[in-house]
């Protein structure tokens, strides 16, 4: 089953009307590598995402977040503690977005997890 990031990248590519060959060429990637990423056989590297983001007109931070999520889900998705991890991340994200440091342009302090 394709990873979340693989599905998202395929969707962006097809929305742009790009063949896999054309997208790979524009990003200076091997077509086989892009195929493996889209089919969930591997996660993209930071450099690969940085090359694909402008081709697809997507935000690199969002693609990095989706890659991290895909990796986490792949490693822990069937674990009994998966839902609790998601809850902790949700709580931490809520604290991050309401942190006074974050609202002042600082990095934002994570909650005490």
C-alpha atoms as a PDB file:
ATOM      1  CA  UNK A   1       0.000   0.000   0.000  1.00  0.00           C
ATOM      2  CA  UNK A   2       1.460   3.413  -0.890  1.00  0.00           C
ATOM      3  CA  UNK A   3       2.619   5.595   1.947  1.00  0.00           C
ATOM      4  CA  UNK A   4       0.717   8.779   2.667  1.00  0.00           C
ATOM      5  CA  UNK A   5       3.493  10.875   1.127  1.00  0.00           C
ATOM      6  CA  UNK A   6       3.566   8.602  -1.931  1.00  0.00           C
ATOM      7  CA  UNK A   7      -0.181   9.034  -2.476  1.00  0.00           C
ATOM      8  CA  UNK A   8       0.075  12.800  -2.014  1.00  0.00           C
ATOM      9  CA  UNK A   9       2.971  13.125  -4.441  1.00  0.00           C
ATOM     10  CA  UNK A  10       1.147  11.050  -7.049  1.00  0.00           C
ATOM     11  CA  UNK A  11      -1.964  13.195  -6.618  1.00  0.00           C
ATOM     12  CA  UNK A  12       0.045  16.417  -7.055  1.00  0.00           C
ATOM     13  CA  UNK A  13       1.770  15.013 -10.133  1.00  0.00           C
ATOM     14  CA  UNK A  14      -1.455  13.939 -11.804  1.00  0.00           C
ATOM     15  CA  UNK A  15      -3.205  17.195 -10.863  1.00  0.00           C
ATOM     16  CA  UNK A  16      -0.394  19.046 -12.628  1.00  0.00           C
ATOM     17  CA  UNK A  17      -0.918  16.797 -15.652  1.00  0.00           C
ATOM     18  CA  UNK A  18       2.630  15.479 -15.499  1.00  0.00           C
ATOM     19  CA  UNK A  19       3.693  12.018 -16.510  1.00  0.00           C
ATOM     20  CA  UNK A  20       6.005  10.299 -14.085  1.00  0.00           C
ATOM     21  CA  UNK A  21       8.795  10.572 -16.656  1.00  0.00           C
ATOM     22  CA  UNK A  22       8.285  14.352 -17.025  1.00  0.00           C
ATOM     23  CA  UNK A  23       8.024  14.985 -13.263  1.00  0.00           C
ATOM     24  CA  UNK A  24      11.171  12.956 -12.614  1.00  0.00           C
ATOM     25  CA  UNK A  25      13.038  14.853 -15.338  1.00  0.00           C
ATOM     26  CA  UNK A  26      11.922  18.247 -14.006  1.00  0.00           C
ATOM     27  CA  UNK A  27      13.053  17.270 -10.500  1.00  0.00           C
ATOM     28  CA  UNK A  28      16.268  15.689 -11.819  1.00  0.00           C
ATOM     29  CA  UNK A  29      15.302  12.338 -10.305  1.00  0.00           C
ATOM     30  CA  UNK A  30      15.446   8.856 -11.722  1.00  0.00           C
ATOM     31  CA  UNK A  31      11.969   7.781 -12.829  1.00  0.00           C
ATOM     32  CA  UNK A  32      12.362   4.449 -11.013  1.00  0.00           C
ATOM     33  CA  UNK A  33      13.053   6.289  -7.758  1.00  0.00           C
ATOM     34  CA  UNK A  34       9.937   8.432  -8.145  1.00  0.00           C
ATOM     35  CA  UNK A  35       7.916   5.318  -8.922  1.00  0.00           C
ATOM     36  CA  UNK A  36       9.171   3.600  -5.768  1.00  0.00           C
ATOM     37  CA  UNK A  37       8.292   6.677  -3.703  1.00  0.00           C
ATOM     38  CA  UNK A  38       4.790   6.981  -5.173  1.00  0.00           C
ATOM     39  CA  UNK A  39       4.149   3.263  -4.716  1.00  0.00           C
ATOM     40  CA  UNK A  40       5.221   3.348  -1.073  1.00  0.00           C
ATOM     41  CA  UNK A  41       8.318   1.208  -1.497  1.00  0.00           C
ATOM     42  CA  UNK A  42      10.553   3.954  -0.119  1.00  0.00           C
ATOM     43  CA  UNK A  43      10.255   7.334   1.532  1.00  0.00           C
ATOM     44  CA  UNK A  44      11.719  10.367  -0.217  1.00  0.00           C
ATOM     45  CA  UNK A  45      14.923  11.924   1.055  1.00  0.00           C
ATOM     46  CA  UNK A  46      15.056  15.590   2.027  1.00  0.00           C
ATOM     47  CA  UNK A  47      16.854  16.359  -1.237  1.00  0.00           C
ATOM     48  CA  UNK A  48      14.238  14.516  -3.286  1.00  0.00           C
ATOM     49  CA  UNK A  49      11.409  16.402  -1.589  1.00  0.00           C
ATOM     50  CA  UNK A  50      13.227  19.695  -2.101  1.00  0.00           C
ATOM     51  CA  UNK A  51      13.478  18.881  -5.813  1.00  0.00           C
ATOM     52  CA  UNK A  52       9.822  17.805  -6.132  1.00  0.00           C
ATOM     53  CA  UNK A  53       8.194  20.637  -4.150  1.00  0.00           C
ATOM     54  CA  UNK A  54       8.700  23.358  -6.785  1.00  0.00           C
ATOM     55  CA  UNK A  55       7.816  20.987  -9.637  1.00  0.00           C
ATOM     56  CA  UNK A  56       4.467  20.310  -7.966  1.00  0.00           C
ATOM     57  CA  UNK A  57       4.084  23.840  -6.607  1.00  0.00           C
ATOM     58  CA  UNK A  58       3.882  22.544  -3.056  1.00  0.00           C
ATOM     59  CA  UNK A  59       5.180  23.772   0.292  1.00  0.00           C
ATOM     60  CA  UNK A  60       8.335  21.904   1.302  1.00  0.00           C
ATOM     61  CA  UNK A  61       7.501  22.039   5.024  1.00  0.00           C
ATOM     62  CA  UNK A  62       4.138  20.372   4.372  1.00  0.00           C
ATOM     63  CA  UNK A  63       5.776  17.642   2.292  1.00  0.00           C
ATOM     64  CA  UNK A  64       8.387  17.085   5.025  1.00  0.00           C
ATOM     65  CA  UNK A  65       5.611  16.801   7.614  1.00  0.00           C
ATOM     66  CA  UNK A  66       3.763  14.261   5.473  1.00  0.00           C
ATOM     67  CA  UNK A  67       6.971  12.263   5.078  1.00  0.00           C
ATOM     68  CA  UNK A  68       7.521  12.229   8.847  1.00  0.00           C
ATOM     69  CA  UNK A  69       3.908  11.168   9.353  1.00  0.00           C
ATOM     70  CA  UNK A  70       4.268   8.410   6.743  1.00  0.00           C
ATOM     71  CA  UNK A  71       7.418   7.127   8.402  1.00  0.00           C
ATOM     72  CA  UNK A  72       5.807   7.182  11.851  1.00  0.00           C
ATOM     73  CA  UNK A  73       2.673   5.425  10.621  1.00  0.00           C
ATOM     74  CA  UNK A  74       4.701   2.800   8.757  1.00  0.00           C
ATOM     75  CA  UNK A  75       6.773   1.987  11.838  1.00  0.00           C
ATOM     76  CA  UNK A  76       4.086   2.264  14.531  1.00  0.00           C
ATOM     77  CA  UNK A  77       0.685   2.160  12.808  1.00  0.00           C
ATOM     78  CA  UNK A  78      -0.215  -1.332  13.962  1.00  0.00           C
ATOM     79  CA  UNK A  79       1.139  -0.917  17.494  1.00  0.00           C
ATOM     80  CA  UNK A  80      -1.334  -0.839  20.376  1.00  0.00           C
ATOM     81  CA  UNK A  81       0.079   2.520  21.485  1.00  0.00           C
ATOM     82  CA  UNK A  82      -0.392   4.222  18.083  1.00  0.00           C
ATOM     83  CA  UNK A  83      -3.591   6.075  19.060  1.00  0.00           C
ATOM     84  CA  UNK A  84      -1.972   7.362  22.244  1.00  0.00           C
ATOM     85  CA  UNK A  85       1.013   8.668  20.254  1.00  0.00           C
ATOM     86  CA  UNK A  86      -1.348  10.491  17.911  1.00  0.00           C
ATOM     87  CA  UNK A  87      -3.150  12.000  20.912  1.00  0.00           C
ATOM     88  CA  UNK A  88       0.150  13.190  22.388  1.00  0.00           C
ATOM     89  CA  UNK A  89       1.175  14.760  19.097  1.00  0.00           C
ATOM     90  CA  UNK A  90      -2.203  16.479  18.866  1.00  0.00           C
ATOM     91  CA  UNK A  91      -1.842  17.871  22.398  1.00  0.00           C
ATOM     92  CA  UNK A  92       1.701  19.006  21.676  1.00  0.00           C
ATOM     93  CA  UNK A  93       0.626  20.697  18.442  1.00  0.00           C
ATOM     94  CA  UNK A  94      -2.186  22.523  20.240  1.00  0.00           C
ATOM     95  CA  UNK A  95       0.274  23.791  22.857  1.00  0.00           C
ATOM     96  CA  UNK A  96       2.715  24.804  20.128  1.00  0.00           C
ATOM     97  CA  UNK A  97       0.110  26.872  18.295  1.00  0.00           C
ATOM     98  CA  UNK A  98      -1.010  28.664  21.460  1.00  0.00           C
ATOM     99  CA  UNK A  99       2.459  29.194  22.908  1.00  0.00           C
ATOM    100  CA  UNK A 100       3.238  32.869  23.597  1.00  0.00           C
ATOM    101  CA  UNK A 101       6.747  32.336  22.166  1.00  0.00           C
ATOM    102  CA  UNK A 102       5.217  30.954  18.971  1.00  0.00           C
ATOM    103  CA  UNK A 103       2.853  33.900  18.674  1.00  0.00           C
ATOM    104  CA  UNK A 104       5.791  36.278  19.096  1.00  0.00           C
ATOM    105  CA  UNK A 105       7.661  34.659  16.216  1.00  0.00           C
ATOM    106  CA  UNK A 106       9.749  32.349  18.419  1.00  0.00           C
ATOM    107  CA  UNK A 107      10.210  28.655  17.937  1.00  0.00           C
ATOM    108  CA  UNK A 108       7.434  27.753  20.364  1.00  0.00           C
ATOM    109  CA  UNK A 109       8.001  25.525  23.315  1.00  0.00           C
ATOM    110  CA  UNK A 110       6.591  22.022  23.150  1.00  0.00           C
ATOM    111  CA  UNK A 111       4.338  20.944  25.993  1.00  0.00           C
ATOM    112  CA  UNK A 112       5.840  18.872  28.760  1.00  0.00           C
ATOM    113  CA  UNK A 113       5.431  15.482  27.157  1.00  0.00           C
END
